[in-house]
PDB file of N, CA and C in Angstrom:
ATOM      1  N   MET A   1      20.311-172.911  62.827  1.00  0.00           N
ATOM      2  CA  MET A   1      21.647-173.231  61.675  1.00  0.00           C
ATOM      3  C   MET A   1      22.390-172.314  61.641  1.00  0.00           C
ATOM      4  N   ASP A   2      23.862-172.848  62.028  1.00  0.00           N
ATOM      5  CA  ASP A   2      24.624-171.082  61.386  1.00  0.00           C
ATOM      6  C   ASP A   2      25.756-171.629  60.328  1.00  0.00           C
ATOM      7  N   LEU A   3      26.483-171.356  60.003  1.00  0.00           N
ATOM      8  CA  LEU A   3      27.055-171.276  58.623  1.00  0.00           C
ATOM      9  C   LEU A   3      27.631-172.727  58.609  1.00  0.00           C
ATOM     10  N   HIS A   4      28.963-173.205  60.001  1.00  0.00           N
ATOM     11  CA  HIS A   4      29.352-173.523  59.426  1.00  0.00           C
ATOM     12  C   HIS A   4      28.428-175.014  59.276  1.00  0.00           C
ATOM     13  N   ASP A   5      27.203-174.959  59.729  1.00  0.00           N
ATOM     14  CA  ASP A   5      26.674-176.101  58.947  1.00  0.00           C
ATOM     15  C   ASP A   5      25.998-175.936  58.566  1.00  0.00           C
ATOM     16  N   LEU A   6      25.480-175.303  57.768  1.00  0.00           N
ATOM     17  CA  LEU A   6      25.601-174.828  56.110  1.00  0.00           C
ATOM     18  C   LEU A   6      25.964-174.901  55.151  1.00  0.00           C
ATOM     19  N   ARG A   7      27.539-174.197  55.630  1.00  0.00           N
ATOM     20  CA  ARG A   7      28.108-174.859  54.859  1.00  0.00           C
ATOM     21  C   ARG A   7      28.660-176.653  54.464  1.00  0.00           C
ATOM     22  N   GLY A   8      28.675-177.678  55.287  1.00  0.00           N
ATOM     23  CA  GLY A   8      28.402-178.516  55.634  1.00  0.00           C
ATOM     24  C   GLY A   8      27.682-179.391  54.942  1.00  0.00           C
ATOM     25  N   ARG A   9      26.267-179.132  55.086  1.00  0.00           N
ATOM     26  CA  ARG A   9      25.400-179.467  54.852  1.00  0.00           C
ATOM     27  C   ARG A   9      25.565-178.774  52.655  1.00  0.00           C
ATOM     28  N   LEU A  10      25.524-177.764  52.429  1.00  0.00           N
ATOM     29  CA  LEU A  10      25.869-177.629  50.657  1.00  0.00           C
ATOM     30  C   LEU A  10      27.155-178.580  50.521  1.00  0.00           C
ATOM     31  N   ALA A  11      27.956-178.931  51.143  1.00  0.00           N
ATOM     32  CA  ALA A  11      28.777-179.651  50.670  1.00  0.00           C
ATOM     33  C   ALA A  11      28.625-181.592  49.879  1.00  0.00           C
ATOM     34  N   LYS A  12      27.808-181.641  51.052  1.00  0.00           N
ATOM     35  CA  LYS A  12      27.483-182.633  51.376  1.00  0.00           C
ATOM     36  C   LYS A  12      26.421-182.725  49.794  1.00  0.00           C
ATOM     37  N   VAL A  13      25.557-181.880  49.552  1.00  0.00           N
ATOM     38  CA  VAL A  13      24.563-182.174  48.273  1.00  0.00           C
ATOM     39  C   VAL A  13      25.568-182.158  46.855  1.00  0.00           C
ATOM     40  N   ASN A  14      26.952-181.254  47.310  1.00  0.00           N
ATOM     41  CA  ASN A  14      27.754-181.579  45.895  1.00  0.00           C
ATOM     42  C   ASN A  14      28.352-182.731  45.793  1.00  0.00           C
ATOM     43  N   GLU A  15      28.413-183.246  46.932  1.00  0.00           N
ATOM     44  CA  GLU A  15      29.309-184.524  46.080  1.00  0.00           C
ATOM     45  C   GLU A  15      28.447-185.238  46.164  1.00  0.00           C
ATOM     46  N   ASP A  16      27.001-186.130  46.794  1.00  0.00           N
ATOM     47  CA  ASP A  16      26.484-186.036  45.896  1.00  0.00           C
ATOM     48  C   ASP A  16      25.552-186.426  44.495  1.00  0.00           C
ATOM     49  N   ALA A  17      25.507-184.665  44.671  1.00  0.00           N
ATOM     50  CA  ALA A  17      24.909-184.642  43.089  1.00  0.00           C
ATOM     51  C   ALA A  17      26.472-184.828  41.985  1.00  0.00           C
ATOM     52  N   GLU A  18      27.574-184.473  42.988  1.00  0.00           N
ATOM     53  CA  GLU A  18      28.884-185.214  42.059  1.00  0.00           C
ATOM     54  C   GLU A  18      28.793-186.902  41.368  1.00  0.00           C
ATOM     55  N   ALA A  19      28.369-186.993  42.402  1.00  0.00           N
ATOM     56  CA  ALA A  19      28.438-189.374  42.490  1.00  0.00           C
ATOM     57  C   ALA A  19      26.827-189.075  41.438  1.00  0.00           C
ATOM     58  N   LEU A  20      26.238-189.143  41.330  1.00  0.00           N
ATOM     59  CA  LEU A  20      24.803-188.651  41.110  1.00  0.00           C
ATOM     60  C   LEU A  20      25.198-188.826  39.103  1.00  0.00           C
ATOM     61  N   ILE A  21      26.090-187.151  38.979  1.00  0.00           N
ATOM     62  CA  ILE A  21      26.291-187.275  38.087  1.00  0.00           C
ATOM     63  C   ILE A  21      27.099-188.465  36.935  1.00  0.00           C
ATOM     64  N   ARG A  22      28.817-189.315  37.861  1.00  0.00           N
ATOM     65  CA  ARG A  22      29.303-190.147  37.668  1.00  0.00           C
ATOM     66  C   ARG A  22      28.009-191.345  37.143  1.00  0.00           C
ATOM     67  N   ASP A  23      27.430-191.905  37.920  1.00  0.00           N
ATOM     68  CA  ASP A  23      26.639-192.584  37.639  1.00  0.00           C
ATOM     69  C   ASP A  23      25.676-192.646  36.821  1.00  0.00           C
ATOM     70  N   ILE A  24      24.821-191.279  36.587  1.00  0.00           N
ATOM     71  CA  ILE A  24      24.756-191.275  35.133  1.00  0.00           C
ATOM     72  C   ILE A  24      25.543-191.436  34.012  1.00  0.00           C
ATOM     73  N   GLN A  25      26.514-190.083  33.847  1.00  0.00           N
ATOM     74  CA  GLN A  25      27.667-190.760  32.753  1.00  0.00           C
ATOM     75  C   GLN A  25      28.066-192.685  31.927  1.00  0.00           C
ATOM     76  N   GLU A  26      28.031-193.216  33.930  1.00  0.00           N
ATOM     77  CA  GLU A  26      28.015-194.434  33.409  1.00  0.00           C
ATOM     78  C   GLU A  26      27.532-195.064  33.274  1.00  0.00           C
ATOM     79  N   MET A  27      25.824-194.548  33.145  1.00  0.00           N
ATOM     80  CA  MET A  27      25.226-195.597  32.210  1.00  0.00           C
ATOM     81  C   MET A  27      24.611-195.148  31.086  1.00  0.00           C
ATOM     82  N   LEU A  28      24.800-194.178  31.107  1.00  0.00           N
ATOM     83  CA  LEU A  28      25.101-193.227  29.525  1.00  0.00           C
ATOM     84  C   LEU A  28      26.438-193.866  28.377  1.00  0.00           C
ATOM     85  N   ALA A  29      27.609-193.825  28.963  1.00  0.00           N
ATOM     86  CA  ALA A  29      27.901-195.523  28.469  1.00  0.00           C
ATOM     87  C   ALA A  29      27.860-196.546  27.982  1.00  0.00           C
ATOM     88  N   LEU A  30      27.632-196.891  29.275  1.00  0.00           N
ATOM     89  CA  LEU A  30      26.456-198.893  29.351  1.00  0.00           C
ATOM     90  C   LEU A  30      25.384-198.748  27.960  1.00  0.00           C
ATOM     91  N   GLY A  31      24.518-197.421  28.171  1.00  0.00           N
ATOM     92  CA  GLY A  31      23.399-197.564  26.855  1.00  0.00           C
ATOM     93  C   GLY A  31      23.680-197.321  26.354  1.00  0.00           C
ATOM     94  N   LYS A  32      24.919-197.219  24.802  1.00  0.00           N
ATOM     95  CA  LYS A  32      24.609-196.697  23.463  1.00  0.00           C
ATOM     96  C   LYS A  32      24.120-197.691  22.581  1.00  0.00           C
ATOM     97  N   MET A  33      22.631-197.587  22.578  1.00  0.00           N
ATOM     98  CA  MET A  33      22.048-198.093  21.868  1.00  0.00           C
ATOM     99  C   MET A  33      21.131-197.079  20.868  1.00  0.00           C
ATOM    100  N   PRO A  34      21.317-198.028  19.154  1.00  0.00           N
ATOM    101  CA  PRO A  34      20.452-197.468  18.655  1.00  0.00           C
ATOM    102  C   PRO A  34      18.897-196.955  18.870  1.00  0.00           C
ATOM    103  N   GLY A  35      18.744-195.785  18.528  1.00  0.00           N
ATOM    104  CA  GLY A  35      17.233-194.942  18.783  1.00  0.00           C
ATOM    105  C   GLY A  35      17.082-195.039  20.459  1.00  0.00           C
ATOM    106  N   SER A  36      18.506-194.519  21.382  1.00  0.00           N
ATOM    107  CA  SER A  36      18.304-194.176  22.758  1.00  0.00           C
ATOM    108  C   SER A  36      18.184-193.003  22.750  1.00  0.00           C
ATOM    109  N   ARG A  37      18.010-191.704  21.906  1.00  0.00           N
ATOM    110  CA  ARG A  37      18.153-190.215  21.171  1.00  0.00           C
ATOM    111  C   ARG A  37      17.619-189.491  22.904  1.00  0.00           C
ATOM    112  N   ALA A  38      16.143-190.329  22.970  1.00  0.00           N
ATOM    113  CA  ALA A  38      15.606-189.535  24.093  1.00  0.00           C
ATOM    114  C   ALA A  38      16.299-190.280  24.987  1.00  0.00           C
ATOM    115  N   TRP A  39      17.046-191.374  25.047  1.00  0.00           N
ATOM    116  CA  TRP A  39      17.432-191.632  27.104  1.00  0.00           C
ATOM    117  C   TRP A  39      18.464-191.151  26.943  1.00  0.00           C
ATOM    118  N   THR A  40      19.468-190.810  26.026  1.00  0.00           N
ATOM    119  CA  THR A  40      20.742-189.668  26.004  1.00  0.00           C
ATOM    120  C   THR A  40      20.201-188.516  26.507  1.00  0.00           C
ATOM    121  N   ALA A  41      19.253-187.686  25.719  1.00  0.00           N
ATOM    122  CA  ALA A  41      19.083-186.104  26.188  1.00  0.00           C
ATOM    123  C   ALA A  41      18.384-185.987  27.341  1.00  0.00           C
ATOM    124  N   MET A  42      17.776-187.251  28.196  1.00  0.00           N
ATOM    125  CA  MET A  42      16.772-187.250  29.703  1.00  0.00           C
ATOM    126  C   MET A  42      18.402-187.070  30.406  1.00  0.00           C
ATOM    127  N   CYS A  43      19.346-188.243  30.314  1.00  0.00           N
ATOM    128  CA  CYS A  43      20.303-188.187  31.487  1.00  0.00           C
ATOM    129  C   CYS A  43      21.481-186.638  30.999  1.00  0.00           C
ATOM    130  N   ASN A  44      21.846-186.035  29.653  1.00  0.00           N
ATOM    131  CA  ASN A  44      22.311-185.258  29.056  1.00  0.00           C
ATOM    132  C   ASN A  44      21.253-183.615  30.205  1.00  0.00           C
ATOM    133  N   GLY A  45      20.184-184.002  30.442  1.00  0.00           N
ATOM    134  CA  GLY A  45      19.716-182.761  30.639  1.00  0.00           C
ATOM    135  C   GLY A  45      19.545-183.046  32.563  1.00  0.00           C
ATOM    136  N   MET A  46      19.714-184.197  32.501  1.00  0.00           N
ATOM    137  CA  MET A  46      20.092-184.205  34.428  1.00  0.00           C
ATOM    138  C   MET A  46      21.531-183.977  35.015  1.00  0.00           C
ATOM    139  N   VAL A  47      22.550-184.581  34.231  1.00  0.00           N
ATOM    140  CA  VAL A  47      23.766-184.216  34.186  1.00  0.00           C
ATOM    141  C   VAL A  47      23.730-182.533  34.058  1.00  0.00           C
ATOM    142  N   VAL A  48      23.084-181.272  33.617  1.00  0.00           N
ATOM    143  CA  VAL A  48      22.774-180.421  33.556  1.00  0.00           C
ATOM    144  C   VAL A  48      23.215-179.198  34.696  1.00  0.00           C
ATOM    145  N   ARG A  49      21.280-180.464  35.196  1.00  0.00           N
ATOM    146  CA  ARG A  49      20.748-179.791  36.098  1.00  0.00           C
ATOM    147  C   ARG A  49      21.930-179.705  37.384  1.00  0.00           C
ATOM    148  N   TYR A  50      21.922-180.916  37.711  1.00  0.00           N
ATOM    149  CA  TYR A  50      23.086-181.093  39.051  1.00  0.00           C
ATOM    150  C   TYR A  50      24.163-180.476  38.902  1.00  0.00           C
ATOM    151  N   GLN A  51      24.843-180.566  37.295  1.00  0.00           N
ATOM    152  CA  GLN A  51      26.056-179.449  37.535  1.00  0.00           C
ATOM    153  C   GLN A  51      25.877-177.667  37.907  1.00  0.00           C
ATOM    154  N   ASN A  52      24.535-177.890  37.272  1.00  0.00           N
ATOM    155  CA  ASN A  52      24.201-176.374  37.882  1.00  0.00           C
ATOM    156  C   ASN A  52      24.188-176.400  39.730  1.00  0.00           C
ATOM    157  N   THR A  53      23.471-177.046  39.859  1.00  0.00           N
ATOM    158  CA  THR A  53      23.602-177.093  41.033  1.00  0.00           C
ATOM    159  C   THR A  53      24.785-177.010  42.295  1.00  0.00           C
ATOM    160  N   ILE A  54      25.388-177.573  41.835  1.00  0.00           N
ATOM    161  CA  ILE A  54      26.919-177.783  42.424  1.00  0.00           C
ATOM    162  C   ILE A  54      27.533-176.595  42.107  1.00  0.00           C
ATOM    163  N   GLU A  55      27.286-175.521  41.346  1.00  0.00           N
ATOM    164  CA  GLU A  55      27.566-174.634  41.085  1.00  0.00           C
ATOM    165  C   GLU A  55      27.537-173.661  41.626  1.00  0.00           C
ATOM    166  N   ALA A  56      26.162-173.489  41.474  1.00  0.00           N
ATOM    167  CA  ALA A  56      25.263-171.833  42.676  1.00  0.00           C
ATOM    168  C   ALA A  56      25.466-172.914  44.298  1.00  0.00           C
ATOM    169  N   ASN A  57      26.626-174.083  44.701  1.00  0.00           N
ATOM    170  CA  ASN A  57      25.880-174.359  45.382  1.00  0.00           C
ATOM    171  C   ASN A  57      27.440-174.154  46.424  1.00  0.00           C
ATOM    172  N   GLU A  58      28.674-174.318  45.165  1.00  0.00           N
ATOM    173  CA  GLU A  58      29.614-173.551  45.341  1.00  0.00           C
ATOM    174  C   GLU A  58      29.667-171.934  45.217  1.00  0.00           C
ATOM    175  N   GLU A  59      29.123-171.310  44.805  1.00  0.00           N
ATOM    176  CA  GLU A  59      28.690-169.820  44.805  1.00  0.00           C
ATOM    177  C   GLU A  59      28.654-169.272  46.319  1.00  0.00           C
ATOM    178  N   VAL A  60      27.478-170.266  46.952  1.00  0.00           N
ATOM    179  CA  VAL A  60      27.073-170.247  48.331  1.00  0.00           C
ATOM    180  C   VAL A  60      28.086-170.293  49.374  1.00  0.00           C
ATOM    181  N   ILE A  61      28.692-171.443  49.137  1.00  0.00           N
ATOM    182  CA  ILE A  61      30.412-171.995  49.990  1.00  0.00           C
ATOM    183  C   ILE A  61      30.901-171.231  49.936  1.00  0.00           C
ATOM    184  N   SER A  62      31.182-170.623  48.685  1.00  0.00           N
ATOM    185  CA  SER A  62      32.193-169.512  49.124  1.00  0.00           C
ATOM    186  C   SER A  62      32.248-168.005  49.483  1.00  0.00           C
ATOM    187  N   ARG A  63      30.944-167.524  49.798  1.00  0.00           N
ATOM    188  CA  ARG A  63      30.840-166.480  50.185  1.00  0.00           C
ATOM    189  C   ARG A  63      30.534-167.015  51.853  1.00  0.00           C
ATOM    190  N   ILE A  64      29.682-167.917  51.844  1.00  0.00           N
ATOM    191  CA  ILE A  64      30.178-168.250  52.868  1.00  0.00           C
ATOM    192  C   ILE A  64      31.369-168.510  53.750  1.00  0.00           C
ATOM    193  N   ASP A  65      32.473-168.932  53.491  1.00  0.00           N
ATOM    194  CA  ASP A  65      33.653-169.064  53.915  1.00  0.00           C
ATOM    195  C   ASP A  65      34.455-167.855  53.758  1.00  0.00           C
ATOM    196  N   HIS A  66      34.184-166.579  52.825  1.00  0.00           N
ATOM    197  CA  HIS A  66      34.845-165.548  52.427  1.00  0.00           C
ATOM    198  C   HIS A  66      33.861-164.333  54.185  1.00  0.00           C
ATOM    199  N   HIS A  67      32.359-164.879  54.585  1.00  0.00           N
ATOM    200  CA  HIS A  67      32.262-164.333  55.508  1.00  0.00           C
ATOM    201  C   HIS A  67      32.490-165.301  57.106  1.00  0.00           C
ATOM    202  N   LEU A  68      32.878-166.234  57.373  1.00  0.00           N
ATOM    203  CA  LEU A  68      33.939-167.451  58.296  1.00  0.00           C
ATOM    204  C   LEU A  68      35.025-166.712  58.409  1.00  0.00           C
ATOM    205  N   SER A  69      35.890-165.838  57.291  1.00  0.00           N
ATOM    206  CA  SER A  69      36.997-165.604  57.196  1.00  0.00           C
ATOM    207  C   SER A  69      37.467-164.139  58.089  1.00  0.00           C
ATOM    208  N   ALA A  70      36.075-163.459  57.821  1.00  0.00           N
ATOM    209  CA  ALA A  70      35.917-162.737  58.029  1.00  0.00           C
ATOM    210  C   ALA A  70      35.625-162.223  59.451  1.00  0.00           C
ATOM    211  N   GLY A  71      35.208-163.530  59.915  1.00  0.00           N
ATOM    212  CA  GLY A  71      34.841-162.756  61.373  1.00  0.00           C
ATOM    213  C   GLY A  71      33.195-163.128  61.591  1.00  0.00           C
ATOM    214  N   ASP A  72      32.519-163.124  60.607  1.00  0.00           N
ATOM    215  CA  ASP A  72      31.275-162.487  60.712  1.00  0.00           C
ATOM    216  C   ASP A  72      30.208-163.421  61.193  1.00  0.00           C
TER     217      ASP A  72
END
């Protein structure tokens, strides 16, 4: 796998993670019920994990872009 392929795969993972975050946030908005603290905490935890994944992937993508622009 070359850097272009890796970059493309990471970008796809980020797209999927962003879609999952939107889905989770929509579920949270629909699920405003008394006694749903555990559900809300679980969903918020998932959002944080997906956001962390996106940030880590963006860092790798940035490094790949730097290498590609430098001709490495």
